[in-house]
Amino acid sequence: MTNRLNDAVGAAKDVYETAAVGAVGAATTAKTTAFDVAKAVAGIAATIGALGFDDVLGWVGLARKRSPLATLAFFGAGVAVGAGVAMLLSPTSGEALRRDILTRLDGLKRQATRGVEQAERQVQSKVGGAVDAVKGAVSSSETGNSHYGIEGGRQGGESGHHLS
């Protein structure tokens, strides 16, 4: 029985030593894994810290900064879609709707034509006034200044208006 007891104690010692070595190895592995996890978490935190709000919005297809031209284009597209839906859902017949649209377009055309004609009249009156003022300044300078015109003492018959 002593042999059996010695064999059992020896086997228990072997199991204990194997368990101790395994526990040390497991502790080392757990420690290494914990350090690796800590490094990964620190890397993720650094990456998140470096990200801007615009980057996150870009990932989901949004943008915080938009040019005014893009905003205007989206607004125009919305107006066009709204007008199309309004035409489709209007209670009038197609012929009456077309006649109404053409009447309104003709009215807008007449307004635009009147506006252009009025602008042309204003420009012509301002330009005409400026031309008259320049003519008056030139005629007064020609009569009061002998610098322009025929100058005495020139050789070769040069005459005319010369600027010097």
Protein backbone atom coordinates (compact mmCIF):
# COMPACT_ATOMS: atom_id res chain seq x y z
CA MET A 1 0.00 0.00 0.00
CA THR A 2 2.87 2.30 0.57
CA ASN A 3 3.86 1.89 -3.01
CA ARG A 4 0.44 2.79 -4.09
CA LEU A 5 0.42 5.74 -1.77
CA ASN A 6 3.84 6.83 -3.01
CA ASP A 7 2.69 6.38 -6.59
CA ALA A 8 -0.45 8.42 -5.88
CA VAL A 9 1.54 11.18 -4.16
CA GLY A 10 4.06 11.16 -7.03
CA ALA A 11 1.26 11.38 -9.56
CA ALA A 12 -0.33 14.20 -7.57
CA LYS A 13 3.01 16.05 -7.49
CA ASP A 14 3.36 15.63 -11.25
CA VAL A 15 -0.17 16.91 -11.77
CA TYR A 16 0.52 19.81 -9.40
CA GLU A 17 3.79 20.73 -11.18
CA THR A 18 2.12 20.42 -14.57
CA ALA A 19 -0.77 22.58 -13.36
CA ALA A 20 1.67 25.15 -11.92
CA VAL A 21 3.62 25.31 -15.19
CA GLY A 22 0.35 25.53 -17.12
CA ALA A 23 -0.94 28.24 -14.77
CA VAL A 24 2.27 30.27 -15.22
CA GLY A 25 2.00 29.86 -18.99
CA ALA A 26 -1.68 30.81 -18.91
CA ALA A 27 -0.92 33.84 -16.73
CA THR A 28 1.83 34.95 -19.13
CA THR A 29 -0.46 34.45 -22.11
CA ALA A 30 -3.28 36.34 -20.36
CA LYS A 31 -0.89 39.17 -19.49
CA THR A 32 0.34 39.37 -23.10
CA THR A 33 -3.22 39.26 -24.38
CA ALA A 34 -4.27 42.01 -21.95
CA PHE A 35 -1.37 44.21 -23.15
CA ASP A 36 -2.33 43.53 -26.78
CA VAL A 37 -5.94 44.45 -26.05
CA ALA A 38 -4.79 47.63 -24.29
CA LYS A 39 -2.64 48.56 -27.30
CA ALA A 40 -5.55 47.93 -29.66
CA VAL A 41 -7.91 50.02 -27.53
CA ALA A 42 -5.34 52.84 -27.39
CA GLY A 43 -4.93 52.66 -31.19
CA ILE A 44 -8.68 52.77 -31.72
CA ALA A 45 -8.99 55.70 -29.32
CA ALA A 46 -6.22 57.57 -31.17
CA THR A 47 -7.91 56.90 -34.52
CA ILE A 48 -11.28 58.07 -33.20
CA GLY A 49 -9.63 61.14 -31.69
CA ALA A 50 -8.06 61.98 -35.05
CA LEU A 51 -11.37 61.66 -36.91
CA GLY A 52 -13.30 64.79 -37.61
CA PHE A 53 -17.05 65.20 -37.63
CA ASP A 54 -16.97 65.65 -41.40
CA ASP A 55 -15.22 62.26 -41.78
CA VAL A 56 -17.94 60.51 -39.82
CA LEU A 57 -20.65 62.28 -41.82
CA GLY A 58 -18.89 61.24 -45.03
CA TRP A 59 -19.05 57.58 -44.01
CA VAL A 60 -22.83 57.74 -43.84
CA GLY A 61 -23.16 59.78 -47.04
CA LEU A 62 -23.73 63.18 -45.48
CA ALA A 63 -21.75 66.40 -45.63
CA ARG A 64 -21.80 69.41 -43.35
CA LYS A 65 -20.11 71.77 -45.79
CA ARG A 66 -21.92 72.43 -49.05
CA SER A 67 -21.34 75.10 -51.62
CA PRO A 68 -24.09 77.67 -52.18
CA LEU A 69 -24.30 76.59 -55.81
CA ALA A 70 -25.14 73.01 -54.80
CA THR A 71 -27.79 74.29 -52.39
CA LEU A 72 -29.30 76.41 -55.15
CA ALA A 73 -29.27 73.43 -57.53
CA PHE A 74 -31.08 71.25 -54.98
CA PHE A 75 -33.62 74.01 -54.38
CA GLY A 76 -34.23 74.39 -58.13
CA ALA A 77 -34.65 70.64 -58.53
CA GLY A 78 -37.17 70.64 -55.69
CA VAL A 79 -39.11 73.48 -57.28
CA ALA A 80 -39.18 71.65 -60.62
CA VAL A 81 -40.35 68.39 -59.03
CA GLY A 82 -42.99 70.27 -57.01
CA ALA A 83 -44.27 72.03 -60.12
CA GLY A 84 -44.48 68.74 -61.99
CA VAL A 85 -46.39 67.07 -59.17
CA ALA A 86 -48.72 70.08 -58.93
CA MET A 87 -49.46 69.84 -62.66
CA LEU A 88 -50.14 66.14 -62.45
CA LEU A 89 -52.48 66.53 -59.50
CA SER A 90 -54.30 69.67 -60.70
CA PRO A 91 -58.08 69.34 -61.08
CA THR A 92 -58.16 70.89 -64.59
CA SER A 93 -58.07 68.99 -67.86
CA GLY A 94 -54.87 68.67 -69.86
CA GLU A 95 -56.04 71.05 -72.58
CA ALA A 96 -57.09 73.73 -70.09
CA LEU A 97 -53.84 73.33 -68.18
CA ARG A 98 -51.76 73.72 -71.36
CA ARG A 99 -53.78 76.80 -72.36
CA ASP A 100 -53.26 78.30 -68.86
CA ILE A 101 -49.53 77.60 -68.94
CA LEU A 102 -49.19 79.16 -72.42
CA THR A 103 -51.16 82.23 -71.33
CA ARG A 104 -48.91 82.71 -68.31
CA LEU A 105 -45.78 82.19 -70.40
CA ASP A 106 -47.00 84.77 -72.94
CA GLY A 107 -47.60 87.22 -70.08
CA LEU A 108 -44.09 86.62 -68.75
CA LYS A 109 -42.69 87.10 -72.26
CA ARG A 110 -44.51 90.43 -72.62
CA GLN A 111 -43.25 91.57 -69.21
CA ALA A 112 -39.67 90.61 -70.11
CA THR A 113 -39.94 92.40 -73.47
CA ARG A 114 -41.25 95.56 -71.79
CA GLY A 115 -38.45 95.40 -69.22
CA VAL A 116 -35.80 95.04 -71.94
CA GLU A 117 -37.28 97.93 -73.95
CA GLN A 118 -37.37 100.13 -70.86
CA ALA A 119 -33.75 99.26 -70.05
CA GLU A 120 -32.74 100.04 -73.64
CA ARG A 121 -34.44 103.45 -73.46
CA GLN A 122 -32.68 104.25 -70.19
CA VAL A 123 -29.30 103.19 -71.57
CA GLN A 124 -29.85 105.19 -74.78
CA SER A 125 -30.82 108.31 -72.85
CA LYS A 126 -27.78 108.01 -70.57
CA VAL A 127 -25.43 107.26 -73.46
CA GLY A 128 -26.95 110.08 -75.54
CA GLY A 129 -26.44 112.52 -72.66
CA ALA A 130 -22.86 111.36 -72.24
CA VAL A 131 -22.20 111.71 -75.99
CA ASP A 132 -23.65 115.25 -75.98
CA ALA A 133 -21.45 116.13 -72.99
CA VAL A 134 -18.35 114.81 -74.74
CA LYS A 135 -19.23 116.68 -77.96
CA GLY A 136 -19.69 119.89 -76.00
CA ALA A 137 -16.35 119.41 -74.23
CA VAL A 138 -14.54 118.69 -77.50
CA SER A 139 -16.06 121.68 -79.32
CA SER A 140 -15.22 124.04 -76.46
CA SER A 141 -11.65 122.77 -76.33
CA GLU A 142 -11.21 123.17 -80.09
CA THR A 143 -12.27 126.78 -80.04
CA GLY A 144 -10.29 127.67 -76.96
CA ASN A 145 -7.11 125.70 -77.66
CA SER A 146 -4.95 126.03 -80.74
CA HIS A 147 -3.18 122.82 -79.91
CA TYR A 148 -5.61 120.86 -82.10
CA GLY A 149 -5.98 121.72 -85.76
CA ILE A 150 -3.46 123.37 -88.06
CA GLU A 151 -0.40 124.65 -86.34
CA GLY A 152 1.69 127.37 -87.92
CA GLY A 153 5.28 126.70 -88.92
CA ARG A 154 4.88 123.05 -89.84
CA GLN A 155 6.70 121.71 -92.82
CA GLY A 156 5.28 119.36 -95.44
CA GLY A 157 1.66 120.47 -95.26
CA GLU A 158 0.68 118.40 -92.21
CA SER A 159 -2.70 119.29 -90.93
CA GLY A 160 -5.55 117.71 -89.07
CA HIS A 161 -6.02 116.63 -85.53
CA HIS A 162 -2.87 115.46 -83.80
CA LEU A 163 -2.44 114.64 -80.18
CA SER A 164 1.00 115.20 -78.73
